[in-house]
Amino acid sequence: MTEISEHEAMDEILKYLIKNKSDRPIHSETIWKEVYPDQDEEVVYVLLRKIMNTADDIVITHIRSNEPHNFEVFFESNAITKRFLEQQGGFTKQFENEQKEITEQNRLERLQNEKLESEVDIIRFQKGLGRKLTIWAVVLTAVSILVSFLTTLVQNQPYQDYDSKIDSLTQTVVKTSQKVYVLTDSLNTLKTDLRLLKEKYKTDTIATE
């Protein structure tokens, strides 16, 4: 027998049964010798057993012996055999559908894993954002206290120190403004990253559905 898949071989047996249908069922040994004589009979009998055990009774069988070492079963086709082969595509189509289901299941599992990874990324990002906001809040609070302290100190110092204190206060305010600018820029960047993560999560969710 040339290289052929199991499902194709089983379809060939069904074609043989349909083509040679008569009042007399066909013996398993005859099927072996007529369809695949170049194969070991045990190999063909394994295929015949699988056909026998297929749901919907696609063939009629008359069992004399179903033992592995003494397999004697008579086969004949019926209306279900022809419909299964011609309308439903036989075992080959059944195999292809099973492969499609496996491929689709693997795709859905992959998308689900990507979705879970996106959710984890968003949670990590939100936690990181919370920590950064807390740190900046502490920094701004400390700067605010420092500015307030320096303002009070300037007001309580003699007039001759007023200009120097004003200069010092001005420098502090400038530095504070710079830090606020950096914080604002950092927050905008974090917001952009969070938006991109949410868009990716939304895209993965739609693809999964």
Protein backbone atom coordinates (compact mmCIF):
# COMPACT_ATOMS: atom_id res chain seq x y z
CA MET A 1 0.00 0.00 0.00
CA THR A 2 1.35 3.43 -0.89
CA GLU A 3 1.79 5.96 1.89
CA ILE A 4 -1.74 6.71 3.06
CA SER A 5 -3.23 8.00 6.28
CA GLU A 6 -5.42 5.89 8.51
CA HIS A 7 -8.58 7.88 7.86
CA GLU A 8 -8.04 7.70 4.11
CA ALA A 9 -7.50 3.93 4.34
CA MET A 10 -10.77 3.54 6.25
CA ASP A 11 -12.58 5.55 3.58
CA GLU A 12 -11.15 3.25 0.91
CA ILE A 13 -12.63 0.26 2.76
CA LEU A 14 -16.03 1.98 2.84
CA LYS A 15 -15.80 2.67 -0.90
CA TYR A 16 -15.02 -0.99 -1.48
CA LEU A 17 -18.04 -2.11 0.56
CA ILE A 18 -20.35 0.26 -1.32
CA LYS A 19 -19.00 -0.75 -4.72
CA ASN A 20 -19.25 -4.48 -3.97
CA LYS A 21 -22.53 -4.50 -2.12
CA SER A 22 -24.59 -7.64 -2.75
CA ASP A 23 -26.90 -10.02 -0.94
CA ARG A 24 -23.90 -11.62 0.72
CA PRO A 25 -21.79 -9.74 3.32
CA ILE A 26 -18.07 -9.55 2.64
CA HIS A 27 -15.68 -11.46 4.90
CA SER A 28 -12.90 -9.54 6.65
CA GLU A 29 -10.24 -11.68 5.00
CA THR A 30 -11.67 -10.85 1.59
CA ILE A 31 -11.51 -7.15 2.37
CA TRP A 32 -7.88 -7.53 3.38
CA LYS A 33 -6.93 -9.40 0.20
CA GLU A 34 -8.96 -7.19 -2.13
CA VAL A 35 -8.22 -3.72 -0.72
CA TYR A 36 -4.79 -3.89 0.96
CA PRO A 37 -3.17 -7.24 0.17
CA ASP A 38 0.33 -5.81 0.56
CA GLN A 39 -0.35 -5.04 4.24
CA ASP A 40 -0.27 -7.43 7.17
CA GLU A 41 -3.77 -8.67 7.83
CA GLU A 42 -3.55 -7.49 11.45
CA VAL A 43 -3.09 -3.93 10.24
CA VAL A 44 -6.22 -4.12 8.08
CA TYR A 45 -8.18 -5.77 10.87
CA VAL A 46 -7.34 -2.88 13.18
CA LEU A 47 -8.93 -0.54 10.64
CA LEU A 48 -11.97 -2.79 10.36
CA ARG A 49 -12.38 -2.80 14.15
CA LYS A 50 -12.31 0.99 14.19
CA ILE A 51 -14.97 1.09 11.51
CA MET A 52 -17.05 -1.38 13.53
CA ASN A 53 -16.76 0.77 16.66
CA THR A 54 -17.72 4.01 14.94
CA ALA A 55 -20.91 5.60 16.19
CA ASP A 56 -24.07 5.65 14.04
CA ASP A 57 -23.51 2.09 12.74
CA ILE A 58 -22.14 3.20 9.39
CA VAL A 59 -21.74 -0.47 8.36
CA ILE A 60 -23.59 -3.68 9.08
CA THR A 61 -21.47 -6.38 10.71
CA HIS A 62 -21.96 -10.07 11.36
CA ILE A 63 -19.42 -11.17 13.91
CA ARG A 64 -18.17 -14.73 13.96
CA SER A 65 -15.04 -13.97 15.97
CA ASN A 66 -13.66 -10.65 17.13
CA GLU A 67 -10.54 -12.05 18.72
CA PRO A 68 -7.24 -10.39 17.71
CA HIS A 69 -5.71 -13.74 16.71
CA ASN A 70 -8.86 -14.98 14.97
CA PHE A 71 -10.72 -12.05 13.45
CA GLU A 72 -13.72 -13.18 11.40
CA VAL A 73 -16.35 -10.55 10.72
CA PHE A 74 -18.63 -10.08 7.73
CA PHE A 75 -19.24 -6.53 6.53
CA GLU A 76 -21.82 -4.90 4.31
CA SER A 77 -22.64 -1.32 3.50
CA ASN A 78 -25.99 0.36 3.96
CA ALA A 79 -27.60 3.73 3.28
CA ILE A 80 -25.74 5.26 6.23
CA THR A 81 -22.41 4.13 4.77
CA LYS A 82 -23.03 5.99 1.52
CA ARG A 83 -24.33 9.11 3.24
CA PHE A 84 -21.41 9.18 5.66
CA LEU A 85 -18.89 8.88 2.85
CA GLU A 86 -20.46 11.04 0.14
CA GLN A 87 -22.33 13.71 2.11
CA GLN A 88 -20.30 13.95 5.30
CA GLY A 89 -16.87 13.41 3.76
CA GLY A 90 -16.17 10.14 5.52
CA PHE A 91 -13.36 9.62 8.02
CA THR A 92 -11.13 12.06 6.15
CA LYS A 93 -13.51 14.97 6.68
CA GLN A 94 -14.05 13.86 10.27
CA PHE A 95 -10.29 13.94 10.84
CA GLU A 96 -9.98 17.41 9.24
CA ASN A 97 -12.76 18.77 11.45
CA GLU A 98 -11.06 17.37 14.54
CA GLN A 99 -7.79 19.04 13.51
CA LYS A 100 -9.59 22.35 12.98
CA GLU A 101 -11.13 22.08 16.45
CA ILE A 102 -7.71 21.39 17.96
CA THR A 103 -6.19 24.35 16.10
CA GLU A 104 -9.01 26.66 17.18
CA GLN A 105 -8.76 25.47 20.77
CA ASN A 106 -5.02 26.13 20.77
CA ARG A 107 -5.64 29.60 19.32
CA LEU A 108 -8.22 30.42 21.99
CA GLU A 109 -5.90 29.16 24.73
CA ARG A 110 -3.07 31.31 23.35
CA LEU A 111 -5.31 34.39 23.24
CA GLN A 112 -6.52 33.67 26.77
CA ASN A 113 -2.93 33.46 28.00
CA GLU A 114 -2.12 36.75 26.25
CA LYS A 115 -5.20 38.31 27.83
CA LEU A 116 -4.11 37.15 31.29
CA GLU A 117 -0.60 38.50 30.66
CA SER A 118 -2.11 41.86 29.66
CA GLU A 119 -4.19 41.95 32.84
CA VAL A 120 -1.09 41.21 34.91
CA ASP A 121 0.82 43.99 33.09
CA ILE A 122 -1.97 46.47 33.83
CA ILE A 123 -2.08 45.49 37.51
CA ARG A 124 1.71 45.81 37.82
CA PHE A 125 1.61 49.14 36.03
CA GLN A 126 -1.11 50.47 38.33
CA LYS A 127 0.81 49.35 41.41
CA GLY A 128 3.97 51.00 40.09
CA LEU A 129 2.04 54.17 39.33
CA GLY A 130 0.63 54.20 42.85
CA ARG A 131 4.08 53.87 44.38
CA LYS A 132 5.47 56.66 42.21
CA LEU A 133 2.59 58.98 43.05
CA THR A 134 3.11 58.30 46.75
CA ILE A 135 6.82 59.13 46.49
CA TRP A 136 6.14 62.35 44.61
CA ALA A 137 3.45 63.31 47.10
CA VAL A 138 5.97 62.94 49.91
CA VAL A 139 8.54 65.00 48.00
CA LEU A 140 6.07 67.80 47.27
CA THR A 141 4.91 67.83 50.86
CA ALA A 142 8.49 68.12 52.08
CA VAL A 143 9.19 70.94 49.61
CA SER A 144 6.02 72.72 50.64
CA ILE A 145 7.03 72.52 54.31
CA LEU A 146 10.50 73.78 53.45
CA VAL A 147 9.12 76.75 51.54
CA SER A 148 6.79 77.59 54.39
CA PHE A 149 9.64 77.35 56.88
CA LEU A 150 11.91 79.58 54.81
CA THR A 151 9.14 82.13 54.38
CA THR A 152 8.62 82.31 58.12
CA LEU A 153 12.37 82.49 58.68
CA VAL A 154 12.72 85.39 56.26
CA GLN A 155 9.89 87.27 57.92
CA ASN A 156 11.57 86.91 61.33
CA GLN A 157 15.10 87.91 60.22
CA PRO A 158 16.50 91.46 60.34
CA TYR A 159 15.93 93.63 57.32
CA GLN A 160 19.55 93.45 56.16
CA ASP A 161 19.19 89.67 55.57
CA TYR A 162 15.95 90.10 53.68
CA ASP A 163 17.44 90.21 50.18
CA SER A 164 19.59 87.13 50.67
CA LYS A 165 16.66 85.18 52.10
CA ILE A 166 14.46 86.28 49.19
CA ASP A 167 17.09 85.02 46.78
CA SER A 168 17.29 81.71 48.61
CA LEU A 169 13.51 81.41 48.64
CA THR A 170 13.36 82.26 44.96
CA GLN A 171 15.85 79.52 44.14
CA THR A 172 13.86 77.03 46.21
CA VAL A 173 10.66 77.97 44.40
CA VAL A 174 12.39 77.61 41.03
CA LYS A 175 13.66 74.13 41.97
CA THR A 176 10.22 73.21 43.22
CA SER A 177 8.66 74.36 39.96
CA GLN A 178 11.16 72.25 38.03
CA LYS A 179 10.29 69.18 40.13
CA VAL A 180 6.60 69.82 39.59
CA TYR A 181 7.24 70.03 35.84
CA VAL A 182 9.15 66.74 35.94
CA LEU A 183 6.34 65.14 37.95
CA THR A 184 3.72 66.38 35.48
CA ASP A 185 5.72 65.05 32.54
CA SER A 186 6.20 61.70 34.32
CA LEU A 187 2.48 61.44 35.07
CA ASN A 188 1.61 62.17 31.44
CA THR A 189 3.97 59.41 30.34
CA LEU A 190 2.44 56.98 32.82
CA LYS A 191 -1.07 57.88 31.63
CA THR A 192 -0.03 57.24 28.03
CA ASP A 193 1.46 53.84 28.94
CA LEU A 194 -1.67 52.90 30.87
CA ARG A 195 -3.88 53.89 27.92
CA LEU A 196 -1.80 51.75 25.55
CA LEU A 197 -2.01 48.77 27.90
CA LYS A 198 -5.79 49.15 28.18
CA GLU A 199 -6.12 49.36 24.39
CA LYS A 200 -4.04 46.18 24.01
CA TYR A 201 -6.18 44.45 26.63
CA LYS A 202 -9.36 45.55 24.83
CA THR A 203 -8.01 44.31 21.48
CA ASP A 204 -7.08 40.91 22.97
CA THR A 205 -10.53 40.62 24.57
CA ILE A 206 -12.32 41.35 21.27
CA ALA A 207 -10.10 38.84 19.44
CA THR A 208 -10.88 36.18 22.05
CA GLU A 209 -14.62 36.72 21.71
